């Protein structure tokens, strides 16, 4: 098989990587791969415990896809055995363990979403129960003998619990060793993971050497910030909370196309290239060209729309991507009203009056009644096309009101007040 030049491959797969142990080793293996025509084995392990993925979860999958597109073997490892142990990474307390049935159900959902990023026809799908289920007690003891308690306590979460006198269970010490043994069993060249998994990945690299295998190269991808992230002008760094449902700054990969596209267009103009860097399939020079075009005066909304179309085509198909882009242009760029505005029937308590601030909270257009008052007072609410100024505005029973909240992140509802 013919591969692109090693330097070209390294430039692409190195994009956005945080930890690289060791870059020079990967360059050597890529050169050897080019010479022999033999692909590298690239592994990423997943404990499939999240039923619904957002774009932040797909950063690692996209890195794996880059290796696939270059012609290398992608090993998608389902940690069905280790998920039952429970990964303590980043946890202040031990986590509940899952049953095999729970893990298998979660894996089906996870794979269906992961294969929207990965080329399913070029994936080697494995489960670590293949080698960990048959491992004997002697094998477990031999594995445990290859690490020390002192090494385990180098992990910050374990160290903190130890210093505070809180419990660390023996099976939690075993987790990094069991995960590391996956690399021994699969004899992979590279293991990918998030920055929170660095300790576990390096344990795998160390174990391979102890079992007489060539140690794997470790690469970690960053935690993606949410749609509300901003660029710090002083440092030039993107800052903000990580993408999560709890922070309400996420883009779910199973969300409707219109909602996904709208959220992409809400990303700050200066931050969108962070998303290109971590999630786009475009080449480095293409992204650099877009940056130059933005600096030369190209409308950043056009650049964000390019990213939006790419992401939507990946998860929903080309037709849905074009329809979502067209709907956004019609509604948001031309100040129109969406076709699918939800109708929200509200019934005030007996003897009560339906005031606007109360109605906004009930229709989930505001987080609280006080938040609704603030939105109205700041001019961020329209009722039937007119800007509302009084949070105590009375909504009469038997009437329906078209309400719009926000300007950049517009939300609509038809509030119907029942008598």
Protein backbone atom coordinates (compact mmCIF):
# COMPACT_ATOMS: atom_id res chain seq x y z
CA UNK A 1 0.00 0.00 0.00
CA UNK A 2 1.19 3.51 -0.83
CA UNK A 3 1.05 6.13 1.93
CA UNK A 4 1.56 9.91 1.78
CA UNK A 5 5.05 11.06 2.83
CA UNK A 6 5.72 10.58 6.53
CA UNK A 7 6.20 14.32 7.15
CA UNK A 8 2.85 15.08 5.54
CA UNK A 9 1.12 12.44 7.66
CA UNK A 10 2.77 13.68 10.84
CA UNK A 11 1.67 17.26 10.17
CA UNK A 12 -1.96 16.17 9.84
CA UNK A 13 -2.26 13.73 12.73
CA UNK A 14 -0.24 16.02 15.00
CA UNK A 15 -2.75 18.84 14.59
CA UNK A 16 -4.42 19.69 17.88
CA UNK A 17 -2.53 17.03 19.87
CA UNK A 18 -1.74 17.96 23.48
CA UNK A 19 0.55 15.18 24.72
CA UNK A 20 2.88 13.33 22.33
CA UNK A 21 5.01 10.46 23.69
CA UNK A 22 7.10 10.36 21.56
CA UNK A 23 6.76 12.38 18.34
CA UNK A 24 10.14 11.29 16.95
CA UNK A 25 9.16 7.64 17.41
CA UNK A 26 5.96 8.14 15.43
CA UNK A 27 7.92 9.79 12.63
CA UNK A 28 10.23 6.76 12.51
CA UNK A 29 7.32 4.34 12.36
CA UNK A 30 5.57 6.35 9.67
CA UNK A 31 8.75 6.28 7.59
CA UNK A 32 9.05 2.53 8.07
CA UNK A 33 5.39 2.12 7.16
CA UNK A 34 5.92 4.08 3.93
CA UNK A 35 8.91 1.89 3.08
CA UNK A 36 7.21 -1.44 3.81
CA UNK A 37 3.65 -0.60 2.76
CA UNK A 38 2.42 -1.97 6.10
CA UNK A 39 -0.13 0.19 7.96
CA UNK A 40 0.30 1.18 11.60
CA UNK A 41 -2.11 -0.13 14.21
CA UNK A 42 -3.95 2.77 15.86
CA UNK A 43 -6.01 2.03 18.94
CA UNK A 44 -8.55 3.98 20.94
CA UNK A 45 -10.46 2.39 23.77
CA UNK A 46 -13.96 3.35 24.84
CA UNK A 47 -15.96 2.49 27.93
CA UNK A 48 -19.32 3.09 26.23
CA UNK A 49 -21.22 4.55 29.18
CA UNK A 50 -22.50 7.77 27.50
CA UNK A 51 -25.72 7.14 25.53
CA UNK A 52 -25.74 10.49 23.71
CA UNK A 53 -22.59 12.04 22.25
CA UNK A 54 -21.87 15.68 21.53
CA UNK A 55 -19.14 17.17 19.35
CA UNK A 56 -16.71 17.23 22.27
CA UNK A 57 -16.85 13.44 22.44
CA UNK A 58 -16.02 13.15 18.73
CA UNK A 59 -12.66 14.97 18.85
CA UNK A 60 -10.91 11.67 19.58
CA UNK A 61 -12.95 9.87 16.93
CA UNK A 62 -11.99 12.47 14.34
CA UNK A 63 -8.30 11.98 15.14
CA UNK A 64 -8.79 8.26 14.61
CA UNK A 65 -10.51 8.97 11.29
CA UNK A 66 -7.48 10.97 10.14
CA UNK A 67 -5.30 7.89 10.63
CA UNK A 68 -7.92 5.81 8.77
CA UNK A 69 -7.95 8.17 5.82
CA UNK A 70 -4.15 7.93 5.61
CA UNK A 71 -4.48 4.15 5.23
CA UNK A 72 -3.71 2.92 8.76
CA UNK A 73 -5.63 0.33 10.76
CA UNK A 74 -8.09 1.77 13.28
CA UNK A 75 -8.78 -0.48 16.25
CA UNK A 76 -12.00 0.51 18.01
CA UNK A 77 -11.76 -1.17 21.38
CA UNK A 78 -14.90 -1.54 23.44
CA UNK A 79 -13.91 -1.73 27.09
CA UNK A 80 -16.72 -4.08 28.02
CA UNK A 81 -14.62 -5.71 30.77
CA UNK A 82 -13.06 -2.51 32.13
CA UNK A 83 -16.41 -0.69 32.09
CA UNK A 84 -17.58 -3.23 34.67
CA UNK A 85 -14.59 -2.28 36.83
CA UNK A 86 -15.29 1.44 36.51
CA UNK A 87 -12.67 4.02 35.51
CA UNK A 88 -11.83 6.21 38.54
CA UNK A 89 -10.14 8.85 36.37
CA UNK A 90 -11.03 12.34 37.56
CA UNK A 91 -13.42 11.04 40.21
CA UNK A 92 -13.24 12.11 43.82
CA UNK A 93 -15.12 9.00 44.89
CA UNK A 94 -15.20 5.49 43.48
CA UNK A 95 -17.70 5.02 40.66
CA UNK A 96 -20.48 2.42 40.52
CA UNK A 97 -19.66 -0.57 38.35
CA UNK A 98 -21.85 -1.66 35.43
CA UNK A 99 -23.16 -5.10 34.54
CA UNK A 100 -22.16 -6.80 31.27
CA UNK A 101 -25.72 -6.35 29.99
CA UNK A 102 -25.68 -2.62 30.73
CA UNK A 103 -22.34 -2.24 28.96
CA UNK A 104 -23.51 -4.15 25.87
CA UNK A 105 -26.67 -2.03 25.58
CA UNK A 106 -24.66 1.17 25.87
CA UNK A 107 -22.11 -0.12 23.33
CA UNK A 108 -24.76 -0.57 20.64
CA UNK A 109 -25.86 3.06 20.96
CA UNK A 110 -22.27 4.31 21.16
CA UNK A 111 -21.18 2.43 18.04
CA UNK A 112 -24.12 3.69 15.99
CA UNK A 113 -23.00 7.24 16.71
CA UNK A 114 -19.24 6.58 16.44
CA UNK A 115 -19.63 5.11 12.95
CA UNK A 116 -20.94 8.47 11.76
CA UNK A 117 -17.34 9.65 12.17
CA UNK A 118 -15.33 6.51 11.49
CA UNK A 119 -15.33 4.48 8.29
CA UNK A 120 -17.03 1.33 9.55
CA UNK A 121 -15.61 -0.75 6.69
CA UNK A 122 -12.07 0.03 7.85
CA UNK A 123 -12.46 -0.58 11.59
CA UNK A 124 -11.09 -3.53 13.54
CA UNK A 125 -13.72 -3.88 16.26
CA UNK A 126 -12.49 -5.57 19.44
CA UNK A 127 -13.65 -6.07 23.04
CA UNK A 128 -11.20 -6.36 25.90
CA UNK A 129 -13.23 -9.19 27.41
CA UNK A 130 -11.53 -11.32 24.70
CA UNK A 131 -8.32 -11.43 26.77
CA UNK A 132 -9.36 -10.18 30.19
CA UNK A 133 -12.21 -12.67 30.75
CA UNK A 134 -9.89 -15.70 30.40
CA UNK A 135 -7.09 -14.13 32.45
CA UNK A 136 -6.34 -16.38 35.43
CA UNK A 137 -5.65 -15.30 39.00
CA UNK A 138 -1.96 -15.98 38.31
CA UNK A 139 -2.15 -13.67 35.30
CA UNK A 140 -3.74 -10.91 37.38
CA UNK A 141 -1.03 -11.23 40.03
CA UNK A 142 1.69 -11.14 37.37
CA UNK A 143 0.10 -8.02 35.91
CA UNK A 144 -0.15 -6.33 39.32
CA UNK A 145 3.51 -7.18 39.99
CA UNK A 146 4.55 -4.96 37.07
CA UNK A 147 3.49 -1.76 38.87
CA UNK A 148 3.98 -0.27 42.33
CA UNK A 149 1.63 1.48 44.75
CA UNK A 150 3.91 4.51 44.55
CA UNK A 151 3.37 4.64 40.78
CA UNK A 152 -0.40 4.46 41.23
CA UNK A 153 -0.28 7.31 43.73
CA UNK A 154 1.30 9.54 41.12
CA UNK A 155 -2.23 10.02 39.83
CA UNK A 156 -3.64 13.22 41.26
CA UNK A 157 -7.07 11.81 42.08
CA UNK A 158 -5.62 8.83 43.97
CA UNK A 159 -3.08 11.04 45.73
CA UNK A 160 -5.76 13.46 46.87
CA UNK A 161 -7.98 10.71 48.25
CA UNK A 162 -5.01 9.10 50.01
CA UNK A 163 -3.98 12.40 51.62
CA UNK A 164 -7.53 13.06 52.79
CA UNK A 165 -7.92 9.55 54.20
CA UNK A 166 -10.71 8.58 51.80
CA UNK A 167 -11.08 5.07 50.45
CA UNK A 168 -9.24 3.81 47.38
CA UNK A 169 -10.40 0.32 46.50
CA UNK A 170 -8.02 -2.30 45.15
CA UNK A 171 -10.00 -2.75 41.93
CA UNK A 172 -9.42 0.95 41.17
CA UNK A 173 -5.67 0.37 41.18
CA UNK A 174 -6.25 -2.50 38.78
CA UNK A 175 -8.11 -0.37 36.23
CA UNK A 176 -5.05 1.37 34.70
CA UNK A 177 -3.24 -1.98 34.56
CA UNK A 178 -6.15 -3.73 32.85
CA UNK A 179 -6.50 -0.88 30.36
CA UNK A 180 -2.76 -0.91 29.79
CA UNK A 181 -2.81 -4.65 29.15
CA UNK A 182 -5.14 -3.98 26.19
CA UNK A 183 -2.15 -2.48 24.38
CA UNK A 184 -0.05 -5.56 25.17
CA UNK A 185 -2.76 -7.85 23.77
CA UNK A 186 -3.31 -5.79 20.62
CA UNK A 187 0.34 -4.86 19.97
CA UNK A 188 -0.68 -1.43 18.75
CA UNK A 189 1.69 1.22 17.45
CA UNK A 190 -0.28 4.22 18.68
CA UNK A 191 -2.90 4.72 21.38
CA UNK A 192 -5.19 7.74 21.32
CA UNK A 193 -7.03 9.19 24.29
CA UNK A 194 -8.24 12.33 25.97
CA UNK A 195 -5.91 14.38 28.17
CA UNK A 196 -7.65 12.96 31.24
CA UNK A 197 -6.46 9.49 30.18
CA UNK A 198 -2.74 10.31 29.91
CA UNK A 199 -1.73 8.37 33.04
CA UNK A 200 -3.55 5.22 31.90
CA UNK A 201 -2.11 5.46 28.37
CA UNK A 202 1.44 5.80 29.70
CA UNK A 203 0.87 2.75 31.92
CA UNK A 204 0.05 0.86 28.72
CA UNK A 205 3.23 2.12 27.08
CA UNK A 206 5.26 0.99 30.11
CA UNK A 207 3.58 -2.43 30.30
CA UNK A 208 4.32 -3.18 26.65
CA UNK A 209 8.03 -2.84 27.35
CA UNK A 210 7.75 -5.04 30.43
CA UNK A 211 6.05 -7.75 28.36
CA UNK A 212 8.75 -7.58 25.69
CA UNK A 213 6.66 -5.60 23.18
CA UNK A 214 7.65 -2.46 21.33
CA UNK A 215 6.15 0.40 23.42
CA UNK A 216 3.25 2.26 21.88
CA UNK A 217 3.25 5.95 21.05
CA UNK A 218 0.77 7.94 23.13
CA UNK A 219 -1.21 10.87 21.73
CA UNK A 220 -3.87 12.81 23.62
CA UNK A 221 -6.53 15.12 22.23
CA UNK A 222 -7.81 18.16 24.11
CA UNK A 223 -11.12 18.73 25.84
CA UNK A 224 -13.27 20.81 23.48
CA UNK A 225 -14.69 24.04 24.84
CA UNK A 226 -18.38 24.83 24.47
CA UNK A 227 -20.20 27.07 22.03
CA UNK A 228 -19.91 29.96 24.50
CA UNK A 229 -16.08 29.94 24.53
CA UNK A 230 -14.14 33.13 23.82
CA UNK A 231 -10.65 34.04 22.69
CA UNK A 232 -8.48 35.65 25.37
CA UNK A 233 -6.93 38.62 23.58
CA UNK A 234 -4.01 38.77 26.02
CA UNK A 235 -2.93 35.13 25.63
CA UNK A 236 -4.42 34.21 22.27
CA UNK A 237 -5.93 31.11 23.94
CA UNK A 238 -9.49 29.87 23.70
CA UNK A 239 -11.08 29.99 27.16
CA UNK A 240 -14.37 28.75 28.52
CA UNK A 241 -16.14 25.80 30.09
CA UNK A 242 -15.80 22.44 28.40
CA UNK A 243 -18.64 21.39 26.14
CA UNK A 244 -21.32 19.67 28.22
CA UNK A 245 -25.06 19.32 28.54
CA UNK A 246 -24.97 20.62 32.10
CA UNK A 247 -23.38 23.89 30.90
CA UNK A 248 -25.91 24.09 28.02
CA UNK A 249 -23.08 24.87 25.59
CA UNK A 250 -23.08 21.63 23.61
CA UNK A 251 -23.89 20.49 20.07
CA UNK A 252 -25.36 17.01 20.22
CA UNK A 253 -24.62 14.84 17.20
CA UNK A 254 -28.18 13.47 17.25
CA UNK A 255 -29.83 16.88 17.50
CA UNK A 256 -32.08 18.00 14.61
CA UNK A 257 -30.07 19.53 11.74
CA UNK A 258 -31.57 23.02 12.15
CA UNK A 259 -30.61 23.10 15.84
CA UNK A 260 -27.08 21.87 15.13
CA UNK A 261 -26.49 24.45 12.41
CA UNK A 262 -27.89 27.27 14.52
CA UNK A 263 -25.56 26.36 17.40
CA UNK A 264 -22.53 26.28 15.09
CA UNK A 265 -23.39 29.77 13.86
CA UNK A 266 -23.47 30.99 17.48
CA UNK A 267 -19.79 30.09 17.99
CA UNK A 268 -17.65 33.18 18.42
CA UNK A 269 -16.01 34.36 15.18
CA UNK A 270 -12.54 34.12 16.75
CA UNK A 271 -13.16 30.63 18.17
CA UNK A 272 -14.48 28.82 15.10
CA UNK A 273 -10.97 27.85 13.98
CA UNK A 274 -10.53 25.87 17.20
CA UNK A 275 -13.45 23.73 15.98
CA UNK A 276 -11.96 23.48 12.49
CA UNK A 277 -8.65 22.36 13.98
CA UNK A 278 -10.13 19.60 16.11
CA UNK A 279 -13.12 18.41 14.08
CA UNK A 280 -12.74 19.29 10.41
CA UNK A 281 -11.49 16.86 7.79
CA UNK A 282 -9.96 19.78 5.87
CA UNK A 283 -6.21 19.82 5.36
CA UNK A 284 -4.02 22.20 7.35
CA UNK A 285 -3.37 24.42 4.35
CA UNK A 286 -7.12 24.75 3.68
CA UNK A 287 -7.75 25.92 7.25
CA UNK A 288 -4.81 28.32 7.02
CA UNK A 289 -6.30 29.73 3.81
CA UNK A 290 -9.63 30.34 5.53
CA UNK A 291 -7.84 32.20 8.33
CA UNK A 292 -6.16 34.44 5.78
CA UNK A 293 -9.48 35.07 4.05
CA UNK A 294 -11.07 36.10 7.37
CA UNK A 295 -8.19 38.47 8.07
CA UNK A 296 -8.62 39.91 4.57
CA UNK A 297 -12.25 40.73 5.31
CA UNK A 298 -14.30 37.66 4.41
CA UNK A 299 -17.55 37.52 6.38
CA UNK A 300 -16.94 35.16 9.34
CA UNK A 301 -20.54 33.95 9.06
CA UNK A 302 -19.61 32.42 5.69
CA UNK A 303 -16.66 30.61 7.28
CA UNK A 304 -18.80 29.30 10.14
CA UNK A 305 -21.38 28.13 7.62
CA UNK A 306 -18.67 26.06 5.88
CA UNK A 307 -17.94 24.30 9.16
CA UNK A 308 -21.64 23.87 9.87
CA UNK A 309 -22.28 22.24 6.50
CA UNK A 310 -19.33 19.88 6.96
CA UNK A 311 -20.46 18.75 10.41
CA UNK A 312 -24.10 18.34 9.41
CA UNK A 313 -23.19 16.39 6.29
CA UNK A 314 -21.17 14.05 8.52
CA UNK A 315 -24.03 13.34 10.91
CA UNK A 316 -27.18 13.94 8.85
CA UNK A 317 -26.21 13.84 5.17
CA UNK A 318 -25.64 16.45 2.46
CA UNK A 319 -29.31 17.18 1.79
CA UNK A 320 -30.07 17.88 5.46
CA UNK A 321 -26.98 20.09 5.70
CA UNK A 322 -28.06 22.23 2.77
CA UNK A 323 -31.63 22.48 4.07
CA UNK A 324 -30.43 23.56 7.52
CA UNK A 325 -28.12 26.18 6.01
CA UNK A 326 -30.96 27.51 3.89
CA UNK A 327 -33.35 27.64 6.83
CA UNK A 328 -30.81 29.51 8.92
CA UNK A 329 -30.32 32.07 6.15
CA UNK A 330 -34.07 32.50 5.75
CA UNK A 331 -34.88 32.83 9.45
CA UNK A 332 -31.87 34.38 11.12
CA UNK A 333 -30.21 36.38 8.40
CA UNK A 334 -33.53 37.76 7.09
CA UNK A 335 -35.27 38.06 10.49
CA UNK A 336 -38.05 35.63 9.61
CA UNK A 337 -40.01 33.25 11.83
CA UNK A 338 -39.29 29.49 11.71
CA UNK A 339 -41.99 27.17 10.37
CA UNK A 340 -41.82 24.86 13.37
CA UNK A 341 -42.41 27.26 16.27
CA UNK A 342 -43.69 25.17 19.21
CA UNK A 343 -47.08 25.98 20.72
CA UNK A 344 -46.93 26.16 24.52
CA UNK A 345 -50.30 26.09 26.32
CA UNK A 346 -50.20 27.70 29.77
CA UNK A 347 -52.82 27.70 32.48
CA UNK A 348 -52.35 30.18 35.35
CA UNK A 349 -53.30 29.15 38.86
CA UNK A 350 -56.88 29.91 39.90
CA UNK A 351 -57.27 33.64 40.31
CA UNK A 352 -53.75 34.37 39.03
CA UNK A 353 -52.75 36.58 36.12
CA UNK A 354 -50.47 35.32 33.31
CA UNK A 355 -47.65 37.85 33.37
CA UNK A 356 -44.99 37.84 30.67
CA UNK A 357 -42.04 37.01 32.95
CA UNK A 358 -43.94 34.07 34.44
CA UNK A 359 -44.93 32.84 30.97
CA UNK A 360 -41.33 33.00 29.69
CA UNK A 361 -40.19 30.81 32.60
CA UNK A 362 -43.03 28.32 32.09
CA UNK A 363 -42.32 28.11 28.35
CA UNK A 364 -38.62 27.41 29.11
CA UNK A 365 -37.56 30.55 27.29
CA UNK A 366 -35.85 31.76 30.47
CA UNK A 367 -34.07 29.89 33.26
CA UNK A 368 -36.08 31.63 35.99
CA UNK A 369 -38.66 34.35 36.47
CA UNK A 370 -35.94 36.78 37.54
CA UNK A 371 -33.95 35.89 34.42
CA UNK A 372 -37.07 36.54 32.35
CA UNK A 373 -37.49 39.99 33.95
CA UNK A 374 -33.88 40.81 33.12
CA UNK A 375 -34.33 39.74 29.48
CA UNK A 376 -37.39 41.95 29.10
CA UNK A 377 -35.77 44.94 30.80
CA UNK A 378 -32.72 44.61 28.52
CA UNK A 379 -34.88 44.62 25.40
CA UNK A 380 -34.33 40.98 24.52
CA UNK A 381 -38.00 39.93 24.21
CA UNK A 382 -40.52 40.55 21.44
CA UNK A 383 -44.24 39.77 21.65
CA UNK A 384 -46.16 39.62 18.37
CA UNK A 385 -43.34 41.47 16.62
CA UNK A 386 -43.10 44.34 19.12
CA UNK A 387 -40.39 44.76 21.72
CA UNK A 388 -41.71 44.11 25.22
CA UNK A 389 -40.73 46.56 27.97
CA UNK A 390 -42.82 45.45 30.95
CA UNK A 391 -42.07 42.09 32.64
CA UNK A 392 -45.55 42.29 34.19
CA UNK A 393 -47.25 42.59 30.82
CA UNK A 394 -50.53 40.71 31.05
CA UNK A 395 -51.19 37.87 28.60
CA UNK A 396 -54.95 37.59 28.24
CA UNK A 397 -56.73 34.20 28.52
CA UNK A 398 -57.89 32.74 25.21
CA UNK A 399 -55.17 34.48 23.19
CA UNK A 400 -52.02 33.20 21.50
CA UNK A 401 -48.79 35.23 21.51
CA UNK A 402 -45.76 34.80 19.26
CA UNK A 403 -42.77 35.35 21.55
CA UNK A 404 -39.14 35.73 20.52
CA UNK A 405 -36.29 35.77 23.03
CA UNK A 406 -32.72 36.81 22.21
CA UNK A 407 -31.09 38.27 19.13
CA UNK A 408 -28.07 36.11 18.23
CA UNK A 409 -29.46 32.97 19.87
CA UNK A 410 -33.10 33.42 18.98
CA UNK A 411 -35.75 31.22 20.51
CA UNK A 412 -39.40 31.27 19.56
CA UNK A 413 -42.65 30.00 21.08
CA UNK A 414 -46.35 30.51 20.56
CA UNK A 415 -47.69 30.94 24.07
CA UNK A 416 -51.39 30.09 24.32
CA UNK A 417 -53.02 31.21 27.56
CA UNK A 418 -55.87 28.96 28.60
CA UNK A 419 -58.88 30.46 30.29
